[in-house]
């Protein structure tokens, strides 16, 4: 079992799906967990209670990931309460529809603001503390769409592609300070984000058949690789894009 005793982690988008699974897994590994959520306080309270039941401290923040002010406030409060924030998991993101030639500017700007700007702001907020302590772990949750593209979701694919480049750039920039930066790139995952498309008759099975391992994974299958990248088992890994897609995309990041 990987142990992260004494570690302090912030997970964006931690009230459901991959974020929730990651929060619980980090808590079981011994880390104290802070996380953000957008609006579902009931779900957030549920995660907080589960983390505390495991025996770890937990902080939950209602925050818009497109807002630098919200992010700076959240990180500042975590640091004031805990004194250190050594691990950041940039998980929050949205998946929206956009057809070029009929582009909805509001949808485009919201997707880029949450999926790209929010990640930049979160990293910018935590890096000073990580530098001061001489250590840090940053894991960005991107997507196979960032590698292969995705028709009718080009803005989403572009946002996730940006995180691939950001991960590689910061891995080199922050290495002198003992900060490792990596990414996990999931394919299809059985989360609320996919509920709509999976409700279409036959679509879930169609997706499953495109995956060589013939399964659509639960969020826990993504949380495990995130935990690995935050652990000492990956102490010589930085700038890596870890694909977690059952073999459906093999071209790498």
C-alpha atoms as a PDB file:
ATOM      1  CA  UNK A   1       0.000   0.000   0.000  1.00  0.00           C
ATOM      2  CA  UNK A   2       1.292   3.441  -0.913  1.00  0.00           C
ATOM      3  CA  UNK A   3       1.606   5.696   2.142  1.00  0.00           C
ATOM      4  CA  UNK A   4       1.390   9.499   2.071  1.00  0.00           C
ATOM      5  CA  UNK A   5       1.429  10.107   5.821  1.00  0.00           C
ATOM      6  CA  UNK A   6       1.739  13.779   6.694  1.00  0.00           C
ATOM      7  CA  UNK A   7       0.990  14.961   3.178  1.00  0.00           C
ATOM      8  CA  UNK A   8      -1.438  17.802   2.424  1.00  0.00           C
ATOM      9  CA  UNK A   9      -3.311  17.550  -0.880  1.00  0.00           C
ATOM     10  CA  UNK A  10      -5.677  19.872  -2.724  1.00  0.00           C
ATOM     11  CA  UNK A  11      -7.965  18.263  -5.302  1.00  0.00           C
ATOM     12  CA  UNK A  12     -10.014  20.486  -7.577  1.00  0.00           C
ATOM     13  CA  UNK A  13     -13.455  19.129  -8.441  1.00  0.00           C
ATOM     14  CA  UNK A  14     -13.392  16.705  -5.521  1.00  0.00           C
ATOM     15  CA  UNK A  15     -17.071  16.174  -4.774  1.00  0.00           C
ATOM     16  CA  UNK A  16     -17.803  13.547  -7.437  1.00  0.00           C
ATOM     17  CA  UNK A  17     -16.312  11.211 -10.017  1.00  0.00           C
ATOM     18  CA  UNK A  18     -12.539  11.032 -10.342  1.00  0.00           C
ATOM     19  CA  UNK A  19     -12.034  13.803  -7.779  1.00  0.00           C
ATOM     20  CA  UNK A  20     -14.089  12.049  -5.118  1.00  0.00           C
ATOM     21  CA  UNK A  21     -12.366   8.709  -5.710  1.00  0.00           C
ATOM     22  CA  UNK A  22      -8.978  10.435  -5.518  1.00  0.00           C
ATOM     23  CA  UNK A  23      -9.852  12.234  -2.287  1.00  0.00           C
ATOM     24  CA  UNK A  24     -10.847   8.989  -0.579  1.00  0.00           C
ATOM     25  CA  UNK A  25      -7.828   7.090  -1.875  1.00  0.00           C
ATOM     26  CA  UNK A  26      -5.404   9.797  -0.713  1.00  0.00           C
ATOM     27  CA  UNK A  27      -7.086   9.819   2.696  1.00  0.00           C
ATOM     28  CA  UNK A  28      -6.706   6.043   2.999  1.00  0.00           C
ATOM     29  CA  UNK A  29      -3.012   6.526   2.166  1.00  0.00           C
ATOM     30  CA  UNK A  30      -2.663   8.905   5.123  1.00  0.00           C
ATOM     31  CA  UNK A  31      -2.965  12.351   3.524  1.00  0.00           C
ATOM     32  CA  UNK A  32      -5.074  15.253   4.722  1.00  0.00           C
ATOM     33  CA  UNK A  33      -7.401  16.352   1.917  1.00  0.00           C
ATOM     34  CA  UNK A  34      -8.770  19.700   0.775  1.00  0.00           C
ATOM     35  CA  UNK A  35     -10.995  19.902  -2.264  1.00  0.00           C
ATOM     36  CA  UNK A  36     -13.102  22.300  -4.281  1.00  0.00           C
ATOM     37  CA  UNK A  37     -16.612  21.905  -5.590  1.00  0.00           C
ATOM     38  CA  UNK A  38     -18.882  24.117  -7.678  1.00  0.00           C
ATOM     39  CA  UNK A  39     -22.410  23.839  -6.305  1.00  0.00           C
ATOM     40  CA  UNK A  40     -23.393  20.461  -4.842  1.00  0.00           C
ATOM     41  CA  UNK A  41     -22.828  21.032  -1.139  1.00  0.00           C
ATOM     42  CA  UNK A  42     -24.585  17.783  -0.196  1.00  0.00           C
ATOM     43  CA  UNK A  43     -22.088  15.773  -2.263  1.00  0.00           C
ATOM     44  CA  UNK A  44     -19.205  17.823  -0.868  1.00  0.00           C
ATOM     45  CA  UNK A  45     -20.370  17.236   2.708  1.00  0.00           C
ATOM     46  CA  UNK A  46     -20.562  13.531   1.945  1.00  0.00           C
ATOM     47  CA  UNK A  47     -16.945  13.413   0.769  1.00  0.00           C
ATOM     48  CA  UNK A  48     -15.770  15.439   3.761  1.00  0.00           C
ATOM     49  CA  UNK A  49     -17.539  13.097   6.151  1.00  0.00           C
ATOM     50  CA  UNK A  50     -16.064  10.023   4.454  1.00  0.00           C
ATOM     51  CA  UNK A  51     -12.535  11.451   4.628  1.00  0.00           C
ATOM     52  CA  UNK A  52     -12.969  12.321   8.296  1.00  0.00           C
ATOM     53  CA  UNK A  53     -14.361   8.848   8.982  1.00  0.00           C
ATOM     54  CA  UNK A  54     -11.098   7.459   7.582  1.00  0.00           C
ATOM     55  CA  UNK A  55      -9.331   9.572  10.200  1.00  0.00           C
ATOM     56  CA  UNK A  56      -7.898  12.387   8.088  1.00  0.00           C
ATOM     57  CA  UNK A  57      -8.531  16.132   8.161  1.00  0.00           C
ATOM     58  CA  UNK A  58     -10.654  17.510   5.342  1.00  0.00           C
ATOM     59  CA  UNK A  59     -11.457  21.002   4.037  1.00  0.00           C
ATOM     60  CA  UNK A  60     -14.134  21.650   1.406  1.00  0.00           C
ATOM     61  CA  UNK A  61     -14.375  24.882  -0.590  1.00  0.00           C
ATOM     62  CA  UNK A  62     -17.080  26.157  -2.888  1.00  0.00           C
ATOM     63  CA  UNK A  63     -15.047  27.711  -5.690  1.00  0.00           C
ATOM     64  CA  UNK A  64     -15.368  28.541  -9.363  1.00  0.00           C
ATOM     65  CA  UNK A  65     -12.300  27.202 -11.119  1.00  0.00           C
ATOM     66  CA  UNK A  66     -12.581  29.971 -13.713  1.00  0.00           C
ATOM     67  CA  UNK A  67     -12.072  32.538 -10.935  1.00  0.00           C
ATOM     68  CA  UNK A  68      -8.536  33.392  -9.902  1.00  0.00           C
ATOM     69  CA  UNK A  69      -9.923  35.165  -6.832  1.00  0.00           C
ATOM     70  CA  UNK A  70     -11.747  32.008  -5.681  1.00  0.00           C
ATOM     71  CA  UNK A  71      -8.669  29.871  -6.231  1.00  0.00           C
ATOM     72  CA  UNK A  72      -6.315  32.281  -4.442  1.00  0.00           C
ATOM     73  CA  UNK A  73      -8.758  32.511  -1.516  1.00  0.00           C
ATOM     74  CA  UNK A  74      -9.007  28.715  -1.271  1.00  0.00           C
ATOM     75  CA  UNK A  75      -5.257  28.082  -1.423  1.00  0.00           C
ATOM     76  CA  UNK A  76      -4.600  30.905   1.025  1.00  0.00           C
ATOM     77  CA  UNK A  77      -7.024  29.424   3.536  1.00  0.00           C
ATOM     78  CA  UNK A  78      -5.538  25.924   3.216  1.00  0.00           C
ATOM     79  CA  UNK A  79      -2.055  27.311   3.823  1.00  0.00           C
ATOM     80  CA  UNK A  80      -3.261  29.359   6.788  1.00  0.00           C
ATOM     81  CA  UNK A  81      -4.830  26.273   8.375  1.00  0.00           C
ATOM     82  CA  UNK A  82      -2.241  23.627   7.489  1.00  0.00           C
ATOM     83  CA  UNK A  83       0.975  25.573   6.909  1.00  0.00           C
ATOM     84  CA  UNK A  84       1.855  23.598   3.787  1.00  0.00           C
ATOM     85  CA  UNK A  85       0.232  22.339   0.613  1.00  0.00           C
ATOM     86  CA  UNK A  86       2.560  19.828  -0.995  1.00  0.00           C
ATOM     87  CA  UNK A  87       0.274  18.097  -3.502  1.00  0.00           C
ATOM     88  CA  UNK A  88      -2.099  19.524  -6.106  1.00  0.00           C
ATOM     89  CA  UNK A  89      -4.411  17.432  -8.275  1.00  0.00           C
ATOM     90  CA  UNK A  90      -5.955  19.550 -11.037  1.00  0.00           C
ATOM     91  CA  UNK A  91      -9.018  17.443 -11.713  1.00  0.00           C
ATOM     92  CA  UNK A  92     -11.845  19.964 -12.222  1.00  0.00           C
ATOM     93  CA  UNK A  93     -13.013  20.229 -15.809  1.00  0.00           C
ATOM     94  CA  UNK A  94     -16.061  20.448 -18.043  1.00  0.00           C
ATOM     95  CA  UNK A  95     -16.934  18.635 -21.273  1.00  0.00           C
ATOM     96  CA  UNK A  96     -19.170  20.641 -23.580  1.00  0.00           C
ATOM     97  CA  UNK A  97     -20.400  20.449 -27.167  1.00  0.00           C
ATOM     98  CA  UNK A  98     -19.174  22.848 -29.844  1.00  0.00           C
ATOM     99  CA  UNK A  99     -19.557  22.693 -33.619  1.00  0.00           C
ATOM    100  CA  UNK A 100     -17.215  24.918 -35.588  1.00  0.00           C
ATOM    101  CA  UNK A 101     -19.055  27.233 -37.933  1.00  0.00           C
ATOM    102  CA  UNK A 102     -21.827  27.479 -35.330  1.00  0.00           C
ATOM    103  CA  UNK A 103     -19.654  28.291 -32.352  1.00  0.00           C
ATOM    104  CA  UNK A 104     -21.238  29.462 -29.124  1.00  0.00           C
ATOM    105  CA  UNK A 105     -18.714  31.955 -27.740  1.00  0.00           C
ATOM    106  CA  UNK A 106     -19.966  31.563 -24.175  1.00  0.00           C
ATOM    107  CA  UNK A 107     -19.489  27.787 -24.236  1.00  0.00           C
ATOM    108  CA  UNK A 108     -16.014  28.148 -25.732  1.00  0.00           C
ATOM    109  CA  UNK A 109     -14.843  30.730 -23.193  1.00  0.00           C
ATOM    110  CA  UNK A 110     -16.286  28.839 -20.223  1.00  0.00           C
ATOM    111  CA  UNK A 111     -14.549  25.610 -21.249  1.00  0.00           C
ATOM    112  CA  UNK A 112     -11.167  27.279 -21.692  1.00  0.00           C
ATOM    113  CA  UNK A 113     -11.589  29.280 -18.471  1.00  0.00           C
ATOM    114  CA  UNK A 114     -12.288  26.185 -16.356  1.00  0.00           C
ATOM    115  CA  UNK A 115     -10.073  23.628 -18.103  1.00  0.00           C
ATOM    116  CA  UNK A 116      -7.021  25.792 -18.785  1.00  0.00           C
ATOM    117  CA  UNK A 117      -7.126  29.073 -16.879  1.00  0.00           C
ATOM    118  CA  UNK A 118      -8.201  27.340 -13.669  1.00  0.00           C
ATOM    119  CA  UNK A 119      -5.236  24.991 -13.831  1.00  0.00           C
ATOM    120  CA  UNK A 120      -2.793  27.848 -14.418  1.00  0.00           C
ATOM    121  CA  UNK A 121      -4.261  29.804 -11.503  1.00  0.00           C
ATOM    122  CA  UNK A 122      -4.178  26.813  -9.139  1.00  0.00           C
ATOM    123  CA  UNK A 123      -0.566  25.986  -9.946  1.00  0.00           C
ATOM    124  CA  UNK A 124       0.434  29.641  -9.685  1.00  0.00           C
ATOM    125  CA  UNK A 125      -1.159  29.795  -6.243  1.00  0.00           C
ATOM    126  CA  UNK A 126       0.506  26.698  -4.769  1.00  0.00           C
ATOM    127  CA  UNK A 127       3.999  26.934  -6.278  1.00  0.00           C
ATOM    128  CA  UNK A 128       5.390  29.589  -3.876  1.00  0.00           C
ATOM    129  CA  UNK A 129       4.716  27.348  -0.866  1.00  0.00           C
ATOM    130  CA  UNK A 130       6.111  24.304  -2.668  1.00  0.00           C
ATOM    131  CA  UNK A 131       9.278  26.219  -3.540  1.00  0.00           C
ATOM    132  CA  UNK A 132       9.643  27.387   0.049  1.00  0.00           C
ATOM    133  CA  UNK A 133       9.437  23.817   1.361  1.00  0.00           C
ATOM    134  CA  UNK A 134      11.592  22.379  -1.421  1.00  0.00           C
ATOM    135  CA  UNK A 135       9.108  19.759  -2.510  1.00  0.00           C
ATOM    136  CA  UNK A 136       5.856  19.370  -4.389  1.00  0.00           C
ATOM    137  CA  UNK A 137       3.732  17.057  -6.463  1.00  0.00           C
ATOM    138  CA  UNK A 138       1.422  18.378  -9.198  1.00  0.00           C
ATOM    139  CA  UNK A 139      -0.802  16.008 -11.167  1.00  0.00           C
ATOM    140  CA  UNK A 140      -2.955  17.351 -13.993  1.00  0.00           C
ATOM    141  CA  UNK A 141      -5.950  15.320 -15.148  1.00  0.00           C
ATOM    142  CA  UNK A 142      -6.118  15.683 -18.901  1.00  0.00           C
ATOM    143  CA  UNK A 143      -7.735  13.387 -21.500  1.00  0.00           C
ATOM    144  CA  UNK A 144      -7.079  11.162 -24.469  1.00  0.00           C
ATOM    145  CA  UNK A 145      -8.944  13.883 -26.397  1.00  0.00           C
ATOM    146  CA  UNK A 146      -5.875  16.063 -25.900  1.00  0.00           C
ATOM    147  CA  UNK A 147      -3.803  13.503 -27.781  1.00  0.00           C
ATOM    148  CA  UNK A 148      -6.065  12.373 -30.617  1.00  0.00           C
ATOM    149  CA  UNK A 149      -8.599  15.220 -30.799  1.00  0.00           C
ATOM    150  CA  UNK A 150     -12.367  14.906 -30.601  1.00  0.00           C
ATOM    151  CA  UNK A 151     -14.845  15.964 -33.258  1.00  0.00           C
ATOM    152  CA  UNK A 152     -17.595  18.330 -32.055  1.00  0.00           C
ATOM    153  CA  UNK A 153     -15.571  18.868 -28.883  1.00  0.00           C
ATOM    154  CA  UNK A 154     -12.531  20.547 -30.437  1.00  0.00           C
ATOM    155  CA  UNK A 155     -12.384  23.260 -27.775  1.00  0.00           C
ATOM    156  CA  UNK A 156     -12.358  20.591 -25.066  1.00  0.00           C
ATOM    157  CA  UNK A 157      -9.644  18.645 -26.873  1.00  0.00           C
ATOM    158  CA  UNK A 158      -7.625  21.843 -27.281  1.00  0.00           C
ATOM    159  CA  UNK A 159      -7.965  22.606 -23.573  1.00  0.00           C
ATOM    160  CA  UNK A 160      -6.704  19.164 -22.627  1.00  0.00           C
ATOM    161  CA  UNK A 161      -3.916  19.347 -25.205  1.00  0.00           C
ATOM    162  CA  UNK A 162      -2.821  22.570 -23.535  1.00  0.00           C
ATOM    163  CA  UNK A 163      -2.434  20.675 -20.248  1.00  0.00           C
ATOM    164  CA  UNK A 164      -0.103  18.176 -21.916  1.00  0.00           C
ATOM    165  CA  UNK A 165       2.232  20.980 -22.975  1.00  0.00           C
ATOM    166  CA  UNK A 166       1.865  22.718 -19.622  1.00  0.00           C
ATOM    167  CA  UNK A 167       2.799  19.534 -17.771  1.00  0.00           C
ATOM    168  CA  UNK A 168       5.969  19.032 -19.805  1.00  0.00           C
ATOM    169  CA  UNK A 169       6.973  22.696 -19.576  1.00  0.00           C
ATOM    170  CA  UNK A 170       6.514  22.960 -15.823  1.00  0.00           C
ATOM    171  CA  UNK A 171       8.238  19.636 -15.188  1.00  0.00           C
ATOM    172  CA  UNK A 172      11.475  21.245 -16.359  1.00  0.00           C
ATOM    173  CA  UNK A 173      10.789  24.690 -14.904  1.00  0.00           C
ATOM    174  CA  UNK A 174       9.979  23.425 -11.412  1.00  0.00           C
ATOM    175  CA  UNK A 175      12.370  20.473 -11.134  1.00  0.00           C
ATOM    176  CA  UNK A 176      15.133  22.597  -9.501  1.00  0.00           C
ATOM    177  CA  UNK A 177      12.744  23.219  -6.594  1.00  0.00           C
ATOM    178  CA  UNK A 178      11.984  19.551  -5.979  1.00  0.00           C
ATOM    179  CA  UNK A 179       8.556  19.803  -7.596  1.00  0.00           C
ATOM    180  CA  UNK A 180       7.433  17.003  -9.893  1.00  0.00           C
ATOM    181  CA  UNK A 181       4.734  17.674 -12.486  1.00  0.00           C
ATOM    182  CA  UNK A 182       2.916  14.852 -14.249  1.00  0.00           C
ATOM    183  CA  UNK A 183      -0.445  14.153 -15.859  1.00  0.00           C
ATOM    184  CA  UNK A 184      -2.962  11.355 -16.093  1.00  0.00           C
ATOM    185  CA  UNK A 185      -4.922  11.126 -19.342  1.00  0.00           C
ATOM    186  CA  UNK A 186      -8.103   9.065 -18.958  1.00  0.00           C
ATOM    187  CA  UNK A 187     -10.231   7.814 -21.791  1.00  0.00           C
ATOM    188  CA  UNK A 188     -13.875   7.006 -21.158  1.00  0.00           C
ATOM    189  CA  UNK A 189     -14.731   6.797 -17.449  1.00  0.00           C
ATOM    190  CA  UNK A 190     -18.039   5.883 -15.838  1.00  0.00           C
ATOM    191  CA  UNK A 191     -18.771   9.258 -14.198  1.00  0.00           C
ATOM    192  CA  UNK A 192     -21.580  11.803 -14.067  1.00  0.00           C
ATOM    193  CA  UNK A 193     -19.914  13.671 -16.935  1.00  0.00           C
ATOM    194  CA  UNK A 194     -20.792  10.789 -19.249  1.00  0.00           C
ATOM    195  CA  UNK A 195     -24.279  10.074 -17.923  1.00  0.00           C
ATOM    196  CA  UNK A 196     -25.982  11.963 -20.739  1.00  0.00           C
ATOM    197  CA  UNK A 197     -24.293  10.218 -23.652  1.00  0.00           C
ATOM    198  CA  UNK A 198     -24.422   6.819 -21.948  1.00  0.00           C
ATOM    199  CA  UNK A 199     -28.188   7.168 -21.617  1.00  0.00           C
ATOM    200  CA  UNK A 200     -28.534   6.988 -25.404  1.00  0.00           C
ATOM    201  CA  UNK A 201     -29.658   3.469 -26.371  1.00  0.00           C
ATOM    202  CA  UNK A 202     -26.717   1.251 -27.274  1.00  0.00           C
ATOM    203  CA  UNK A 203     -24.076   3.963 -26.878  1.00  0.00           C
ATOM    204  CA  UNK A 204     -22.415   2.590 -23.741  1.00  0.00           C
ATOM    205  CA  UNK A 205     -21.921  -0.782 -25.415  1.00  0.00           C
ATOM    206  CA  UNK A 206     -20.620   0.882 -28.570  1.00  0.00           C
ATOM    207  CA  UNK A 207     -18.017   2.710 -26.486  1.00  0.00           C
ATOM    208  CA  UNK A 208     -17.094  -0.441 -24.573  1.00  0.00           C
ATOM    209  CA  UNK A 209     -16.399  -2.303 -27.792  1.00  0.00           C
ATOM    210  CA  UNK A 210     -13.874   0.369 -28.862  1.00  0.00           C
ATOM    211  CA  UNK A 211     -11.742  -0.290 -25.771  1.00  0.00           C
ATOM    212  CA  UNK A 212      -9.318  -3.228 -26.114  1.00  0.00           C
ATOM    213  CA  UNK A 213      -9.798  -4.224 -22.459  1.00  0.00           C
ATOM    214  CA  UNK A 214     -13.568  -4.183 -23.086  1.00  0.00           C
ATOM    215  CA  UNK A 215     -14.510  -2.253 -19.959  1.00  0.00           C
ATOM    216  CA  UNK A 216     -15.471   1.302 -19.062  1.00  0.00           C
ATOM    217  CA  UNK A 217     -13.569   1.955 -15.846  1.00  0.00           C
ATOM    218  CA  UNK A 218     -14.950   3.388 -12.600  1.00  0.00           C
ATOM    219  CA  UNK A 219     -13.302   6.560 -11.225  1.00  0.00           C
ATOM    220  CA  UNK A 220     -11.175   4.491  -8.847  1.00  0.00           C
ATOM    221  CA  UNK A 221      -9.202   3.180 -11.838  1.00  0.00           C
ATOM    222  CA  UNK A 222      -8.016   6.732 -12.511  1.00  0.00           C
ATOM    223  CA  UNK A 223      -7.441   7.625  -8.857  1.00  0.00           C
ATOM    224  CA  UNK A 224      -4.872   4.813  -8.507  1.00  0.00           C
ATOM    225  CA  UNK A 225      -2.482   6.172 -11.152  1.00  0.00           C
ATOM    226  CA  UNK A 226      -2.861   9.672  -9.681  1.00  0.00           C
ATOM    227  CA  UNK A 227      -1.852   8.310  -6.270  1.00  0.00           C
ATOM    228  CA  UNK A 228       1.123   6.530  -7.835  1.00  0.00           C
ATOM    229  CA  UNK A 229       2.403   9.745  -9.425  1.00  0.00           C
ATOM    230  CA  UNK A 230       2.135  11.504  -6.056  1.00  0.00           C
ATOM    231  CA  UNK A 231       4.130   8.789  -4.309  1.00  0.00           C
ATOM    232  CA  UNK A 232       7.827   8.024  -3.886  1.00  0.00           C
ATOM    233  CA  UNK A 233       7.379   5.054  -6.217  1.00  0.00           C
ATOM    234  CA  UNK A 234       7.382   7.701  -8.960  1.00  0.00           C
ATOM    235  CA  UNK A 235      10.201   9.803  -7.501  1.00  0.00           C
ATOM    236  CA  UNK A 236      12.149   9.777 -10.792  1.00  0.00           C
ATOM    237  CA  UNK A 237       9.093  10.496 -12.952  1.00  0.00           C
ATOM    238  CA  UNK A 238       8.332  14.029 -14.092  1.00  0.00           C
ATOM    239  CA  UNK A 239       6.863  15.448 -17.285  1.00  0.00           C
ATOM    240  CA  UNK A 240       5.061  12.152 -17.899  1.00  0.00           C
ATOM    241  CA  UNK A 241       1.628  11.772 -19.474  1.00  0.00           C
ATOM    242  CA  UNK A 242       0.225   8.521 -18.106  1.00  0.00           C
ATOM    243  CA  UNK A 243      -2.518   7.240 -20.408  1.00  0.00           C
ATOM    244  CA  UNK A 244      -5.261   5.321 -18.576  1.00  0.00           C
ATOM    245  CA  UNK A 245      -7.624   4.228 -21.324  1.00  0.00           C
ATOM    246  CA  UNK A 246      -7.656   0.436 -21.553  1.00  0.00           C
ATOM    247  CA  UNK A 247      -5.538   0.535 -24.702  1.00  0.00           C
ATOM    248  CA  UNK A 248      -7.930   2.646 -26.759  1.00  0.00           C
ATOM    249  CA  UNK A 249      -5.288   5.293 -27.560  1.00  0.00           C
ATOM    250  CA  UNK A 250      -1.693   4.179 -27.852  1.00  0.00           C
ATOM    251  CA  UNK A 251       0.053   7.147 -29.453  1.00  0.00           C
ATOM    252  CA  UNK A 252       1.090   8.710 -26.139  1.00  0.00           C
ATOM    253  CA  UNK A 253       1.180  12.311 -24.930  1.00  0.00           C
END
